[in-house]
Amino acid sequence: MATKATYYVLRERAVPDVLLKVVEAKRLIESGKVSSVQDATEMVGISRSSFYKYKDDIFLYHENKRGRTVNVVIQLDDEPGLLSLVLKAIADFRANVLTIHQSVPVNGIATLTVSIDFFKDAQDMDLLVDEIETISGIHYAKILSRE
């Protein structure tokens, strides 16, 4: 029978330096800035054995938890490239599209429903809606719900 895991949430100042360096080494590897564990551990100043000992036990809080999910409805003209401009605006705000549904256009106007995940470092969701509304061909954008 497996032992039940216990988790703790700590402020950064309470976390030992070696664990913070393990997180930084993982970031370097995941981002592709280094090509090996050896390079990453040398850059942050820890041993490879420390890295391997703790790598599966320490994560940044936001790496394990999704951000705030927002459902937005957008009414837009049926024009080539307009959906692409909306998606670019979302990406520029460092947010992630979870789901997207566009209705069949009626009289040249379509309704788009988008579920967007806003991470901790993402810009304000209300600013994104305002930005989408400035795109030529958008009739309106409204937040339906926030989770």
N, C-alpha and C. Protein backbone atom coordinates (compact mmCIF):
# COMPACT_ATOMS: atom_id res chain seq x y z
N MET A 1 0.84 -1.17 0.00
CA MET A 1 0.00 0.00 0.00
C MET A 1 0.90 1.24 0.00
N ALA A 2 0.61 2.19 -0.91
CA ALA A 2 1.41 3.41 -1.03
C ALA A 2 1.10 4.37 0.11
N THR A 3 2.12 5.09 0.53
CA THR A 3 1.92 6.08 1.58
C THR A 3 1.30 7.33 0.97
N LYS A 4 0.40 7.93 1.72
CA LYS A 4 -0.26 9.15 1.25
C LYS A 4 0.74 10.30 1.31
N ALA A 5 0.83 11.05 0.22
CA ALA A 5 1.74 12.19 0.16
C ALA A 5 1.17 13.36 0.94
N THR A 6 2.03 14.10 1.59
CA THR A 6 1.64 15.31 2.30
C THR A 6 2.33 16.47 1.61
N TYR A 7 1.57 17.54 1.35
CA TYR A 7 2.11 18.70 0.66
C TYR A 7 2.08 19.91 1.57
N TYR A 8 3.02 20.82 1.36
CA TYR A 8 3.12 22.04 2.13
C TYR A 8 3.25 23.21 1.16
N VAL A 9 2.72 24.34 1.54
CA VAL A 9 2.92 25.57 0.78
C VAL A 9 3.78 26.46 1.65
N LEU A 10 4.93 26.88 1.10
CA LEU A 10 5.89 27.68 1.85
C LEU A 10 6.19 28.98 1.12
N ARG A 11 6.53 29.98 1.87
CA ARG A 11 7.07 31.19 1.26
C ARG A 11 8.49 30.89 0.82
N GLU A 12 8.92 31.59 -0.22
CA GLU A 12 10.25 31.34 -0.78
C GLU A 12 11.35 31.45 0.27
N ARG A 13 11.23 32.38 1.18
CA ARG A 13 12.29 32.58 2.18
C ARG A 13 12.44 31.38 3.12
N ALA A 14 11.42 30.51 3.18
CA ALA A 14 11.48 29.34 4.05
C ALA A 14 12.04 28.11 3.34
N VAL A 15 12.26 28.22 2.04
CA VAL A 15 12.74 27.08 1.25
C VAL A 15 14.27 27.10 1.22
N PRO A 16 14.91 25.97 1.54
CA PRO A 16 16.39 25.92 1.49
C PRO A 16 16.91 26.26 0.10
N ASP A 17 18.06 26.92 0.09
CA ASP A 17 18.68 27.38 -1.15
C ASP A 17 18.87 26.26 -2.16
N VAL A 18 19.24 25.08 -1.73
CA VAL A 18 19.47 23.96 -2.65
C VAL A 18 18.19 23.63 -3.42
N LEU A 19 17.04 23.70 -2.77
CA LEU A 19 15.78 23.40 -3.46
C LEU A 19 15.43 24.47 -4.48
N LEU A 20 15.70 25.73 -4.15
CA LEU A 20 15.46 26.81 -5.11
C LEU A 20 16.36 26.65 -6.33
N LYS A 21 17.57 26.19 -6.12
CA LYS A 21 18.50 25.96 -7.23
C LYS A 21 18.07 24.78 -8.08
N VAL A 22 17.44 23.78 -7.48
CA VAL A 22 16.90 22.65 -8.25
C VAL A 22 15.79 23.16 -9.18
N VAL A 23 14.92 24.02 -8.67
CA VAL A 23 13.84 24.59 -9.49
C VAL A 23 14.44 25.38 -10.64
N GLU A 24 15.46 26.18 -10.36
CA GLU A 24 16.10 26.98 -11.41
C GLU A 24 16.76 26.07 -12.45
N ALA A 25 17.39 25.01 -12.02
CA ALA A 25 18.01 24.07 -12.96
C ALA A 25 16.94 23.42 -13.84
N LYS A 26 15.81 23.06 -13.26
CA LYS A 26 14.72 22.47 -14.05
C LYS A 26 14.21 23.46 -15.10
N ARG A 27 14.11 24.73 -14.73
CA ARG A 27 13.68 25.76 -15.67
C ARG A 27 14.66 25.89 -16.83
N LEU A 28 15.94 25.86 -16.53
CA LEU A 28 16.95 25.96 -17.58
C LEU A 28 16.85 24.80 -18.57
N ILE A 29 16.63 23.61 -18.05
CA ILE A 29 16.52 22.42 -18.90
C ILE A 29 15.25 22.49 -19.74
N GLU A 30 14.11 22.82 -19.10
CA GLU A 30 12.83 22.86 -19.82
C GLU A 30 12.80 23.95 -20.89
N SER A 31 13.49 25.06 -20.64
CA SER A 31 13.49 26.16 -21.61
C SER A 31 14.44 25.91 -22.78
N GLY A 32 15.32 24.91 -22.63
CA GLY A 32 16.28 24.61 -23.69
C GLY A 32 17.52 25.49 -23.63
N LYS A 33 17.66 26.29 -22.58
CA LYS A 33 18.84 27.15 -22.45
C LYS A 33 20.11 26.35 -22.19
N VAL A 34 19.95 25.16 -21.66
CA VAL A 34 21.08 24.24 -21.48
C VAL A 34 20.68 22.90 -22.08
N SER A 35 21.67 22.10 -22.42
CA SER A 35 21.35 20.84 -23.09
C SER A 35 21.48 19.62 -22.18
N SER A 36 21.96 19.83 -20.95
CA SER A 36 22.13 18.67 -20.08
C SER A 36 21.96 19.05 -18.61
N VAL A 37 21.72 18.03 -17.80
CA VAL A 37 21.62 18.23 -16.36
C VAL A 37 22.95 18.75 -15.84
N GLN A 38 24.05 18.23 -16.37
CA GLN A 38 25.38 18.68 -15.95
C GLN A 38 25.53 20.19 -16.14
N ASP A 39 25.14 20.69 -17.32
CA ASP A 39 25.25 22.13 -17.60
C ASP A 39 24.36 22.94 -16.66
N ALA A 40 23.15 22.46 -16.43
CA ALA A 40 22.21 23.19 -15.57
C ALA A 40 22.70 23.26 -14.13
N THR A 41 23.17 22.14 -13.61
CA THR A 41 23.63 22.13 -12.22
C THR A 41 24.89 22.97 -12.04
N GLU A 42 25.77 22.98 -13.04
CA GLU A 42 26.95 23.83 -12.97
C GLU A 42 26.56 25.31 -12.96
N MET A 43 25.57 25.67 -13.80
CA MET A 43 25.13 27.07 -13.88
C MET A 43 24.55 27.57 -12.57
N VAL A 44 23.77 26.72 -11.88
CA VAL A 44 23.12 27.18 -10.65
C VAL A 44 23.94 26.89 -9.41
N GLY A 45 24.97 26.08 -9.54
CA GLY A 45 25.86 25.84 -8.42
C GLY A 45 25.44 24.75 -7.44
N ILE A 46 24.90 23.65 -7.96
CA ILE A 46 24.58 22.50 -7.12
C ILE A 46 25.16 21.24 -7.75
N SER A 47 25.21 20.17 -6.98
CA SER A 47 25.70 18.91 -7.51
C SER A 47 24.58 18.20 -8.28
N ARG A 48 24.98 17.33 -9.19
CA ARG A 48 23.98 16.53 -9.92
C ARG A 48 23.22 15.63 -8.95
N SER A 49 23.88 15.12 -7.93
CA SER A 49 23.19 14.23 -6.97
C SER A 49 22.10 15.00 -6.23
N SER A 50 22.34 16.27 -5.89
CA SER A 50 21.29 17.08 -5.25
C SER A 50 20.11 17.28 -6.20
N PHE A 51 20.44 17.55 -7.47
CA PHE A 51 19.39 17.73 -8.46
C PHE A 51 18.52 16.47 -8.55
N TYR A 52 19.15 15.32 -8.73
CA TYR A 52 18.39 14.08 -8.89
C TYR A 52 17.64 13.70 -7.61
N LYS A 53 18.19 14.05 -6.46
CA LYS A 53 17.54 13.73 -5.19
C LYS A 53 16.22 14.49 -5.03
N TYR A 54 16.18 15.75 -5.47
CA TYR A 54 15.01 16.60 -5.20
C TYR A 54 14.16 16.96 -6.42
N LYS A 55 14.59 16.62 -7.63
CA LYS A 55 13.91 17.12 -8.83
C LYS A 55 12.43 16.74 -8.92
N ASP A 56 12.05 15.62 -8.35
CA ASP A 56 10.65 15.20 -8.42
C ASP A 56 9.84 15.65 -7.21
N ASP A 57 10.48 16.39 -6.30
CA ASP A 57 9.82 16.77 -5.06
C ASP A 57 9.59 18.27 -4.91
N ILE A 58 10.13 19.09 -5.80
CA ILE A 58 9.97 20.54 -5.66
C ILE A 58 9.47 21.13 -6.97
N PHE A 59 8.41 21.93 -6.88
CA PHE A 59 7.80 22.59 -8.03
C PHE A 59 7.35 23.97 -7.61
N LEU A 60 7.39 24.91 -8.54
CA LEU A 60 6.78 26.19 -8.26
C LEU A 60 5.28 25.98 -8.15
N TYR A 61 4.65 26.71 -7.28
CA TYR A 61 3.22 26.54 -7.05
C TYR A 61 2.41 26.69 -8.34
N HIS A 62 2.69 27.71 -9.14
CA HIS A 62 1.91 27.91 -10.36
C HIS A 62 2.19 26.86 -11.43
N GLU A 63 3.25 26.07 -11.32
CA GLU A 63 3.50 25.01 -12.28
C GLU A 63 2.52 23.84 -12.07
N ASN A 64 2.02 23.69 -10.87
CA ASN A 64 1.11 22.60 -10.57
C ASN A 64 -0.35 23.01 -10.60
N LYS A 65 -0.64 24.30 -10.65
CA LYS A 65 -2.00 24.77 -10.54
C LYS A 65 -2.32 25.66 -11.72
N ARG A 66 -3.45 25.43 -12.30
CA ARG A 66 -3.89 26.28 -13.39
C ARG A 66 -4.23 27.66 -12.84
N GLY A 67 -4.30 28.61 -13.73
CA GLY A 67 -4.66 29.97 -13.35
C GLY A 67 -6.16 30.13 -13.28
N ARG A 68 -6.59 31.33 -13.53
CA ARG A 68 -8.02 31.63 -13.53
C ARG A 68 -8.58 31.36 -14.91
N THR A 69 -9.68 30.64 -14.97
CA THR A 69 -10.32 30.36 -16.26
C THR A 69 -11.44 31.35 -16.48
N VAL A 70 -11.45 31.93 -17.68
CA VAL A 70 -12.45 32.92 -18.04
C VAL A 70 -13.10 32.47 -19.34
N ASN A 71 -14.42 32.57 -19.39
CA ASN A 71 -15.16 32.27 -20.61
C ASN A 71 -15.62 33.59 -21.22
N VAL A 72 -15.23 33.80 -22.47
CA VAL A 72 -15.52 35.06 -23.16
C VAL A 72 -16.35 34.76 -24.40
N VAL A 73 -17.37 35.61 -24.64
CA VAL A 73 -18.14 35.52 -25.88
C VAL A 73 -17.80 36.74 -26.71
N ILE A 74 -17.57 36.50 -28.00
CA ILE A 74 -17.16 37.56 -28.91
C ILE A 74 -18.05 37.48 -30.15
N GLN A 75 -18.60 38.60 -30.54
CA GLN A 75 -19.35 38.65 -31.79
C GLN A 75 -18.46 39.35 -32.82
N LEU A 76 -18.26 38.70 -33.97
CA LEU A 76 -17.32 39.23 -34.95
C LEU A 76 -17.82 39.04 -36.36
N ASP A 77 -17.30 39.87 -37.26
CA ASP A 77 -17.62 39.74 -38.68
C ASP A 77 -16.96 38.48 -39.23
N ASP A 78 -17.57 37.91 -40.24
CA ASP A 78 -17.01 36.73 -40.90
C ASP A 78 -16.02 37.20 -41.95
N GLU A 79 -14.80 37.50 -41.49
CA GLU A 79 -13.75 37.99 -42.37
C GLU A 79 -12.50 37.14 -42.21
N PRO A 80 -11.82 36.81 -43.31
CA PRO A 80 -10.58 36.03 -43.20
C PRO A 80 -9.55 36.74 -42.32
N GLY A 81 -8.94 35.98 -41.41
CA GLY A 81 -7.88 36.50 -40.56
C GLY A 81 -8.33 37.13 -39.25
N LEU A 82 -9.64 37.37 -39.10
CA LEU A 82 -10.13 38.03 -37.88
C LEU A 82 -9.97 37.13 -36.65
N LEU A 83 -10.28 35.86 -36.79
CA LEU A 83 -10.08 34.92 -35.68
C LEU A 83 -8.61 34.86 -35.29
N SER A 84 -7.74 34.88 -36.27
CA SER A 84 -6.30 34.87 -36.01
C SER A 84 -5.88 36.08 -35.19
N LEU A 85 -6.45 37.24 -35.46
CA LEU A 85 -6.12 38.45 -34.70
C LEU A 85 -6.59 38.33 -33.24
N VAL A 86 -7.73 37.72 -33.04
CA VAL A 86 -8.24 37.51 -31.67
C VAL A 86 -7.30 36.57 -30.91
N LEU A 87 -6.91 35.48 -31.55
CA LEU A 87 -6.02 34.51 -30.89
C LEU A 87 -4.64 35.12 -30.61
N LYS A 88 -4.17 35.98 -31.50
CA LYS A 88 -2.90 36.66 -31.27
C LYS A 88 -3.00 37.59 -30.07
N ALA A 89 -4.12 38.29 -29.94
CA ALA A 89 -4.31 39.17 -28.78
C ALA A 89 -4.27 38.37 -27.48
N ILE A 90 -4.89 37.20 -27.48
CA ILE A 90 -4.88 36.34 -26.30
C ILE A 90 -3.46 35.90 -25.98
N ALA A 91 -2.72 35.48 -26.99
CA ALA A 91 -1.34 35.03 -26.80
C ALA A 91 -0.46 36.18 -26.31
N ASP A 92 -0.68 37.38 -26.83
CA ASP A 92 0.11 38.54 -26.41
C ASP A 92 -0.10 38.86 -24.93
N PHE A 93 -1.23 38.46 -24.37
CA PHE A 93 -1.51 38.68 -22.95
C PHE A 93 -1.03 37.52 -22.09
N ARG A 94 -0.23 36.63 -22.68
CA ARG A 94 0.33 35.46 -21.98
C ARG A 94 -0.77 34.61 -21.35
N ALA A 95 -1.84 34.43 -22.09
CA ALA A 95 -2.94 33.58 -21.66
C ALA A 95 -3.01 32.39 -22.61
N ASN A 96 -3.74 31.36 -22.21
CA ASN A 96 -3.78 30.12 -22.97
C ASN A 96 -5.23 29.78 -23.33
N VAL A 97 -5.48 29.47 -24.60
CA VAL A 97 -6.82 29.06 -25.03
C VAL A 97 -7.04 27.61 -24.65
N LEU A 98 -8.09 27.36 -23.88
CA LEU A 98 -8.44 25.99 -23.49
C LEU A 98 -9.43 25.38 -24.48
N THR A 99 -10.49 26.13 -24.80
CA THR A 99 -11.48 25.67 -25.78
C THR A 99 -11.90 26.86 -26.63
N ILE A 100 -12.36 26.53 -27.82
CA ILE A 100 -12.83 27.58 -28.72
C ILE A 100 -13.97 27.00 -29.56
N HIS A 101 -15.04 27.79 -29.71
CA HIS A 101 -16.17 27.36 -30.52
C HIS A 101 -16.68 28.57 -31.29
N GLN A 102 -16.79 28.42 -32.61
CA GLN A 102 -17.34 29.49 -33.43
C GLN A 102 -18.59 28.98 -34.10
N SER A 103 -19.66 29.77 -34.01
CA SER A 103 -20.91 29.40 -34.66
C SER A 103 -20.79 29.61 -36.16
N VAL A 104 -21.70 29.00 -36.90
CA VAL A 104 -21.77 29.23 -38.33
C VAL A 104 -22.24 30.66 -38.53
N PRO A 105 -21.53 31.44 -39.34
CA PRO A 105 -21.92 32.85 -39.52
C PRO A 105 -23.31 32.99 -40.13
N VAL A 106 -24.07 33.94 -39.59
CA VAL A 106 -25.40 34.26 -40.10
C VAL A 106 -25.36 35.74 -40.47
N ASN A 107 -25.71 36.02 -41.72
CA ASN A 107 -25.66 37.40 -42.23
C ASN A 107 -24.27 38.02 -42.03
N GLY A 108 -23.23 37.21 -42.18
CA GLY A 108 -21.86 37.71 -42.11
C GLY A 108 -21.32 37.96 -40.71
N ILE A 109 -22.07 37.49 -39.68
CA ILE A 109 -21.64 37.69 -38.30
C ILE A 109 -21.62 36.34 -37.59
N ALA A 110 -20.53 36.08 -36.85
CA ALA A 110 -20.38 34.83 -36.11
C ALA A 110 -20.22 35.13 -34.62
N THR A 111 -20.55 34.14 -33.81
CA THR A 111 -20.34 34.24 -32.38
C THR A 111 -19.24 33.26 -32.01
N LEU A 112 -18.28 33.75 -31.26
CA LEU A 112 -17.13 32.97 -30.84
C LEU A 112 -17.17 32.87 -29.32
N THR A 113 -17.04 31.65 -28.80
CA THR A 113 -16.93 31.44 -27.36
C THR A 113 -15.56 30.84 -27.10
N VAL A 114 -14.80 31.48 -26.20
CA VAL A 114 -13.44 31.06 -25.92
C VAL A 114 -13.26 30.89 -24.42
N SER A 115 -12.71 29.75 -24.01
CA SER A 115 -12.31 29.55 -22.62
C SER A 115 -10.82 29.82 -22.55
N ILE A 116 -10.44 30.73 -21.67
CA ILE A 116 -9.05 31.20 -21.59
C ILE A 116 -8.51 30.96 -20.19
N ASP A 117 -7.31 30.43 -20.12
CA ASP A 117 -6.64 30.23 -18.84
C ASP A 117 -5.62 31.35 -18.66
N PHE A 118 -5.82 32.14 -17.61
CA PHE A 118 -4.90 33.23 -17.28
C PHE A 118 -3.97 32.76 -16.18
N PHE A 119 -2.69 32.71 -16.46
CA PHE A 119 -1.72 32.30 -15.46
C PHE A 119 -1.35 33.47 -14.57
N LYS A 120 -0.65 33.17 -13.51
CA LYS A 120 -0.29 34.17 -12.50
C LYS A 120 0.39 35.39 -13.13
N ASP A 121 1.27 35.17 -14.11
CA ASP A 121 2.00 36.29 -14.69
C ASP A 121 1.28 36.91 -15.89
N ALA A 122 0.06 36.44 -16.18
CA ALA A 122 -0.69 37.01 -17.29
C ALA A 122 -1.21 38.39 -16.93
N GLN A 123 -1.42 39.19 -17.95
CA GLN A 123 -1.97 40.52 -17.72
C GLN A 123 -3.45 40.41 -17.33
N ASP A 124 -4.04 41.50 -16.93
CA ASP A 124 -5.42 41.56 -16.47
C ASP A 124 -6.40 41.14 -17.56
N MET A 125 -7.35 40.26 -17.20
CA MET A 125 -8.30 39.74 -18.19
C MET A 125 -9.24 40.81 -18.73
N ASP A 126 -9.58 41.81 -17.91
CA ASP A 126 -10.45 42.89 -18.40
C ASP A 126 -9.74 43.71 -19.48
N LEU A 127 -8.44 43.88 -19.33
CA LEU A 127 -7.67 44.58 -20.36
C LEU A 127 -7.66 43.81 -21.67
N LEU A 128 -7.62 42.49 -21.57
CA LEU A 128 -7.66 41.66 -22.78
C LEU A 128 -8.97 41.85 -23.52
N VAL A 129 -10.08 41.83 -22.79
CA VAL A 129 -11.39 42.02 -23.42
C VAL A 129 -11.44 43.39 -24.09
N ASP A 130 -10.94 44.42 -23.42
CA ASP A 130 -10.89 45.76 -24.01
C ASP A 130 -10.04 45.76 -25.28
N GLU A 131 -8.91 45.06 -25.25
CA GLU A 131 -8.03 44.98 -26.41
C GLU A 131 -8.72 44.28 -27.58
N ILE A 132 -9.41 43.19 -27.30
CA ILE A 132 -10.12 42.46 -28.36
C ILE A 132 -11.17 43.35 -29.01
N GLU A 133 -11.86 44.15 -28.20
CA GLU A 133 -12.91 45.03 -28.74
C GLU A 133 -12.35 46.13 -29.65
N THR A 134 -11.06 46.42 -29.57
CA THR A 134 -10.48 47.45 -30.44
C THR A 134 -10.15 46.91 -31.83
N ILE A 135 -10.20 45.59 -32.00
CA ILE A 135 -9.88 44.98 -33.30
C ILE A 135 -11.02 45.28 -34.27
N SER A 136 -10.66 45.76 -35.44
CA SER A 136 -11.65 46.07 -36.47
C SER A 136 -12.37 44.79 -36.88
N GLY A 137 -13.70 44.84 -36.87
CA GLY A 137 -14.51 43.67 -37.21
C GLY A 137 -15.10 42.98 -36.00
N ILE A 138 -14.70 43.39 -34.80
CA ILE A 138 -15.27 42.85 -33.57
C ILE A 138 -16.45 43.73 -33.16
N HIS A 139 -17.61 43.13 -32.97
CA HIS A 139 -18.79 43.89 -32.54
C HIS A 139 -18.76 44.09 -31.02
N TYR A 140 -18.47 43.02 -30.29
CA TYR A 140 -18.31 43.12 -28.84
C TYR A 140 -17.60 41.89 -28.30
N ALA A 141 -17.05 42.03 -27.10
CA ALA A 141 -16.45 40.93 -26.36
C ALA A 141 -16.89 41.10 -24.91
N LYS A 142 -17.40 40.03 -24.32
CA LYS A 142 -17.89 40.08 -22.94
C LYS A 142 -17.43 38.85 -22.17
N ILE A 143 -17.12 39.07 -20.91
CA ILE A 143 -16.78 37.95 -20.03
C ILE A 143 -18.08 37.32 -19.56
N LEU A 144 -18.25 36.01 -19.86
CA LEU A 144 -19.44 35.29 -19.43
C LEU A 144 -19.30 34.78 -18.00
N SER A 145 -18.12 34.23 -17.69
CA SER A 145 -17.91 33.67 -16.36
C SER A 145 -16.43 33.65 -16.04
N ARG A 146 -16.15 33.57 -14.73
CA ARG A 146 -14.78 33.46 -14.22
C ARG A 146 -14.76 32.33 -13.22
N GLU A 147 -13.74 31.52 -13.27
CA GLU A 147 -13.61 30.41 -12.31
C GLU A 147 -12.36 30.59 -11.50
